[in-house]
C-alpha atoms as a PDB file:
ATOM      1  CA  UNK A   1       0.000   0.000   0.000  1.00  0.00           C
ATOM      2  CA  UNK A   2       1.274   3.447  -0.912  1.00  0.00           C
ATOM      3  CA  UNK A   3       1.850   6.212   1.617  1.00  0.00           C
ATOM      4  CA  UNK A   4       1.578   8.994  -0.977  1.00  0.00           C
ATOM      5  CA  UNK A   5      -1.659  10.959  -0.902  1.00  0.00           C
ATOM      6  CA  UNK A   6      -1.355  13.163  -3.966  1.00  0.00           C
ATOM      7  CA  UNK A   7      -4.481  13.942  -6.008  1.00  0.00           C
ATOM      8  CA  UNK A   8      -3.872  14.053  -9.761  1.00  0.00           C
ATOM      9  CA  UNK A   9      -7.317  13.830 -11.308  1.00  0.00           C
ATOM     10  CA  UNK A  10      -5.916  12.185 -14.455  1.00  0.00           C
ATOM     11  CA  UNK A  11      -8.674  11.007 -16.819  1.00  0.00           C
ATOM     12  CA  UNK A  12      -7.038   7.640 -17.610  1.00  0.00           C
ATOM     13  CA  UNK A  13      -5.205   6.656 -14.401  1.00  0.00           C
ATOM     14  CA  UNK A  14      -6.425   6.544 -10.820  1.00  0.00           C
ATOM     15  CA  UNK A  15      -4.692   8.567  -8.125  1.00  0.00           C
ATOM     16  CA  UNK A  16      -3.845   5.296  -6.350  1.00  0.00           C
ATOM     17  CA  UNK A  17      -2.118   3.858  -9.432  1.00  0.00           C
ATOM     18  CA  UNK A  18      -0.134   7.050 -10.024  1.00  0.00           C
ATOM     19  CA  UNK A  19       0.836   7.351  -6.349  1.00  0.00           C
ATOM     20  CA  UNK A  20       1.992   3.716  -6.248  1.00  0.00           C
ATOM     21  CA  UNK A  21       4.025   4.141  -9.433  1.00  0.00           C
ATOM     22  CA  UNK A  22       5.686   7.356  -8.238  1.00  0.00           C
ATOM     23  CA  UNK A  23       6.379   5.925  -4.793  1.00  0.00           C
ATOM     24  CA  UNK A  24       8.034   2.853  -6.316  1.00  0.00           C
ATOM     25  CA  UNK A  25      10.387   5.119  -8.274  1.00  0.00           C
ATOM     26  CA  UNK A  26      11.147   7.212  -5.183  1.00  0.00           C
ATOM     27  CA  UNK A  27      11.784   4.169  -2.977  1.00  0.00           C
ATOM     28  CA  UNK A  28      14.210   2.685  -5.516  1.00  0.00           C
ATOM     29  CA  UNK A  29      16.260   5.887  -5.720  1.00  0.00           C
ATOM     30  CA  UNK A  30      17.931   7.924  -3.010  1.00  0.00           C
ATOM     31  CA  UNK A  31      19.638  10.462  -5.272  1.00  0.00           C
ATOM     32  CA  UNK A  32      18.186  12.982  -7.657  1.00  0.00           C
ATOM     33  CA  UNK A  33      19.807  15.137 -10.309  1.00  0.00           C
ATOM     34  CA  UNK A  34      18.715  18.758 -10.307  1.00  0.00           C
ATOM     35  CA  UNK A  35      19.439  21.424 -12.856  1.00  0.00           C
ATOM     36  CA  UNK A  36      19.733  25.107 -12.044  1.00  0.00           C
ATOM     37  CA  UNK A  37      20.488  28.028 -14.311  1.00  0.00           C
ATOM     38  CA  UNK A  38      22.997  30.844 -13.990  1.00  0.00           C
ATOM     39  CA  UNK A  39      22.809  33.392 -16.801  1.00  0.00           C
ATOM     40  CA  UNK A  40      22.604  31.135 -19.876  1.00  0.00           C
ATOM     41  CA  UNK A  41      24.426  28.133 -18.386  1.00  0.00           C
ATOM     42  CA  UNK A  42      22.911  25.043 -16.792  1.00  0.00           C
ATOM     43  CA  UNK A  43      24.446  23.484 -13.694  1.00  0.00           C
ATOM     44  CA  UNK A  44      23.631  19.912 -12.653  1.00  0.00           C
ATOM     45  CA  UNK A  45      23.785  18.830  -9.023  1.00  0.00           C
ATOM     46  CA  UNK A  46      23.204  15.426  -7.461  1.00  0.00           C
ATOM     47  CA  UNK A  47      21.634  15.300  -4.005  1.00  0.00           C
ATOM     48  CA  UNK A  48      20.053  12.893  -1.553  1.00  0.00           C
ATOM     49  CA  UNK A  49      16.376  13.642  -1.046  1.00  0.00           C
ATOM     50  CA  UNK A  50      13.352  12.789   1.079  1.00  0.00           C
ATOM     51  CA  UNK A  51       9.672  13.254   0.338  1.00  0.00           C
ATOM     52  CA  UNK A  52       6.365  13.652   2.132  1.00  0.00           C
ATOM     53  CA  UNK A  53       3.046  11.912   1.544  1.00  0.00           C
ATOM     54  CA  UNK A  54       1.958  14.997  -0.432  1.00  0.00           C
ATOM     55  CA  UNK A  55       4.960  14.592  -2.742  1.00  0.00           C
ATOM     56  CA  UNK A  56       6.984  17.516  -1.418  1.00  0.00           C
ATOM     57  CA  UNK A  57      10.656  16.811  -2.158  1.00  0.00           C
ATOM     58  CA  UNK A  58      13.387  18.077   0.187  1.00  0.00           C
ATOM     59  CA  UNK A  59      17.179  18.123   0.097  1.00  0.00           C
ATOM     60  CA  UNK A  60      19.838  19.781   2.253  1.00  0.00           C
ATOM     61  CA  UNK A  61      22.449  22.016   0.744  1.00  0.00           C
ATOM     62  CA  UNK A  62      24.780  24.751   1.891  1.00  0.00           C
ATOM     63  CA  UNK A  63      23.585  28.227   0.882  1.00  0.00           C
ATOM     64  CA  UNK A  64      27.033  28.904  -0.575  1.00  0.00           C
ATOM     65  CA  UNK A  65      26.925  25.963  -3.015  1.00  0.00           C
ATOM     66  CA  UNK A  66      26.621  26.855  -6.707  1.00  0.00           C
ATOM     67  CA  UNK A  67      23.157  25.343  -7.165  1.00  0.00           C
ATOM     68  CA  UNK A  68      21.809  27.091  -4.047  1.00  0.00           C
ATOM     69  CA  UNK A  69      23.079  30.416  -5.325  1.00  0.00           C
ATOM     70  CA  UNK A  70      21.607  29.729  -8.775  1.00  0.00           C
ATOM     71  CA  UNK A  71      18.193  28.790  -7.336  1.00  0.00           C
ATOM     72  CA  UNK A  72      18.159  31.933  -5.172  1.00  0.00           C
ATOM     73  CA  UNK A  73      18.768  34.062  -8.272  1.00  0.00           C
ATOM     74  CA  UNK A  74      16.553  32.157 -10.717  1.00  0.00           C
ATOM     75  CA  UNK A  75      13.804  29.831  -9.426  1.00  0.00           C
ATOM     76  CA  UNK A  76      13.276  28.223 -12.820  1.00  0.00           C
END
């Protein structure tokens, strides 16, 4: 049984099926790759993450790291 409780409202797939599929992917992976942008250049960072039942993803990073600085300047 899934612990995720996200509501998608997809016309072809139930919320339960989507939550179970997403949770399986999250449980099988402990690292994520994130891209941030500085000016016109992309920067890729790998980080350990955790998630909540509402599919909020969290990671810890020093504010002085390149990706943290990039995210502070450009949220996209």
